[in-house]
Every structure is written in C-alpha cells, then in structure tokens.
Amino acid sequence: MPARRRWLLRSYELRERIPEPSDWRGRCKNANGQVLTQAFEGPGTVDREAVTEYLKNHTFKTVIGEIDLRTQLQNIAYTVGQRQNGFFRSAFAVGVADSELVPVQAKSGWV
C-alpha cells in the first residue's frame, strides 16, 4: 500500500470519522511537517542557520513522495485523478511509478 494511502487511512482512524473522498490538502500539510521535522533532526539543533543549510542540501522523504528543496520543485505531480470507492485515486502522474496508479473507471451514463 503506498505511503500516502496508509497516511490517509491512519489519519481518518485517528480522527474517528468517515473519509472525505479527496483529502490531498492534508497530505501536503503533513509533508511540510515531515520536511521540517527532518530538517531539525538532521543537524540535531534548532539553530536557524544549521537548519537552513540542511534544508538547502538534502532531499526529504514524505507521505507525498520525495521533496528536493534545492530545485524548489516537488518531483511528482498528480495530473489526472478520480474518486473511486470513497478515495481520490491518481490515474496519471509525473514522477510516480505506474504500479501506484489506477485505471480510470468510466462512470455510468458517460460512455
């Protein structure tokens, strides 16, 4: 199961509520927190200059994939998605393994 789906299921379990069909904003917020956590843990200090240097020179594994702030770009982009079985699922993306994608499902009455 991909990390972002595990995170989504766990976050709903912790909040004890029914999942929203697409909660990508929460994953992005969580990824930002993961980057900051790793940026403080890496140098082992809260010194602003040391943390800034760490941010500038490392990549960070997050729930939405690897983030490299040196290029100031996220190396993945979910470009086509669809709600399936109550979850937002990615049907096409740049920088994501095909095994993580799902085929688009035609909706009844659309064909």
Protein backbone atom coordinates (compact mmCIF):
# COMPACT_ATOMS: atom_id res chain seq x y z
CA MET A 1 0.00 0.00 0.00
CA PRO A 2 1.50 3.39 -0.96
CA ALA A 3 2.61 5.63 1.91
CA ARG A 4 0.07 8.35 1.10
CA ARG A 5 -2.83 5.87 1.31
CA ARG A 6 -1.52 4.47 4.61
CA TRP A 7 -1.28 8.03 5.94
CA LEU A 8 -4.82 8.84 4.79
CA LEU A 9 -6.31 5.73 6.38
CA ARG A 10 -4.40 6.31 9.62
CA SER A 11 -5.39 9.98 9.79
CA TYR A 12 -9.07 9.06 9.40
CA GLU A 13 -8.69 6.36 12.04
CA LEU A 14 -7.20 8.89 14.46
CA ARG A 15 -9.92 11.43 13.75
CA GLU A 16 -12.60 8.74 14.02
CA ARG A 17 -14.61 9.99 11.09
CA ILE A 18 -15.68 8.82 7.68
CA PRO A 19 -13.08 9.59 4.99
CA GLU A 20 -13.60 12.52 2.66
CA PRO A 21 -13.26 11.47 -0.99
CA SER A 22 -10.23 13.69 -1.66
CA ASP A 23 -8.08 14.93 1.15
CA TRP A 24 -4.91 15.87 -0.73
CA ARG A 25 -4.54 19.11 1.23
CA GLY A 26 -3.96 17.18 4.43
CA ARG A 27 -1.22 15.11 2.81
CA CYS A 28 0.53 18.27 1.60
CA LYS A 29 0.35 19.81 5.07
CA ASN A 30 1.68 16.59 6.57
CA ALA A 31 4.53 16.54 4.03
CA ASN A 32 5.54 20.07 5.05
CA GLY A 33 5.65 18.94 8.66
CA GLN A 34 7.76 15.91 7.72
CA VAL A 35 10.26 18.13 5.88
CA LEU A 36 10.56 20.47 8.86
CA THR A 37 10.90 17.58 11.30
CA GLN A 38 13.71 16.04 9.24
CA ALA A 39 15.36 19.47 8.86
CA PHE A 40 15.64 19.80 12.65
CA GLU A 41 16.55 16.17 13.28
CA GLY A 42 19.27 16.12 10.60
CA PRO A 43 21.63 18.68 12.12
CA GLY A 44 20.35 17.92 15.63
CA THR A 45 19.90 21.56 16.56
CA VAL A 46 17.36 24.37 16.44
CA ASP A 47 19.98 26.81 15.13
CA ARG A 48 18.35 28.67 12.23
CA GLU A 49 21.47 28.70 10.05
CA ALA A 50 22.15 24.98 10.51
CA VAL A 51 18.53 24.06 9.75
CA THR A 52 18.50 26.34 6.69
CA GLU A 53 21.71 24.71 5.39
CA TYR A 54 20.19 21.26 5.91
CA LEU A 55 17.05 22.28 4.01
CA LYS A 56 19.18 23.58 1.13
CA ASN A 57 21.32 20.45 0.81
CA HIS A 58 19.09 17.41 1.36
CA THR A 59 16.09 15.61 -0.07
CA PHE A 60 13.21 14.65 2.20
CA LYS A 61 11.05 11.52 2.15
CA THR A 62 7.43 12.45 2.77
CA VAL A 63 3.96 10.99 2.52
CA ILE A 64 3.56 12.57 -0.95
CA GLY A 65 6.97 11.45 -2.20
CA GLU A 66 10.48 12.80 -2.16
CA ILE A 67 10.86 16.58 -1.97
CA ASP A 68 14.06 18.34 -3.02
CA LEU A 69 14.17 21.98 -2.00
CA ARG A 70 17.39 22.58 -3.94
CA THR A 71 15.31 22.82 -7.09
CA GLN A 72 12.32 24.21 -5.17
CA LEU A 73 10.23 21.63 -7.01
CA GLN A 74 8.31 18.60 -5.93
CA ASN A 75 9.41 15.86 -8.31
CA ILE A 76 5.95 14.34 -8.55
CA ALA A 77 2.72 15.75 -9.87
CA TYR A 78 -0.66 14.03 -9.88
CA THR A 79 -2.26 15.34 -13.05
CA VAL A 80 -5.33 13.12 -13.54
CA GLY A 81 -7.37 11.72 -10.70
CA GLN A 82 -10.75 10.21 -9.95
CA ARG A 83 -12.77 9.38 -6.88
CA GLN A 84 -13.02 5.62 -6.56
CA ASN A 85 -14.56 3.78 -3.62
CA GLY A 86 -14.53 6.92 -1.49
CA PHE A 87 -10.88 7.86 -2.11
CA PHE A 88 -9.19 10.19 -4.56
CA ARG A 89 -7.06 7.94 -6.77
CA SER A 90 -4.37 9.04 -9.20
CA ALA A 91 -4.82 7.80 -12.75
CA PHE A 92 -1.87 9.69 -14.25
CA ALA A 93 1.14 11.36 -12.70
CA VAL A 94 4.62 12.57 -13.47
CA GLY A 95 7.39 11.01 -11.39
CA VAL A 96 5.23 8.25 -9.91
CA ALA A 97 5.60 4.52 -10.59
CA ASP A 98 2.86 3.08 -12.79
CA SER A 99 2.19 0.47 -10.09
CA GLU A 100 0.84 3.27 -7.84
CA LEU A 101 -1.66 4.48 -10.44
CA VAL A 102 -5.15 3.16 -11.11
CA PRO A 103 -7.02 2.88 -14.41
CA VAL A 104 -9.75 5.43 -14.96
CA GLN A 105 -13.20 3.94 -14.39
CA ALA A 106 -15.92 5.08 -16.79
CA LYS A 107 -18.95 6.40 -14.94
CA SER A 108 -22.34 5.03 -15.92
CA GLY A 109 -24.06 7.28 -18.41
CA TRP A 110 -20.81 8.89 -19.55
CA VAL A 111 -19.95 6.43 -22.31
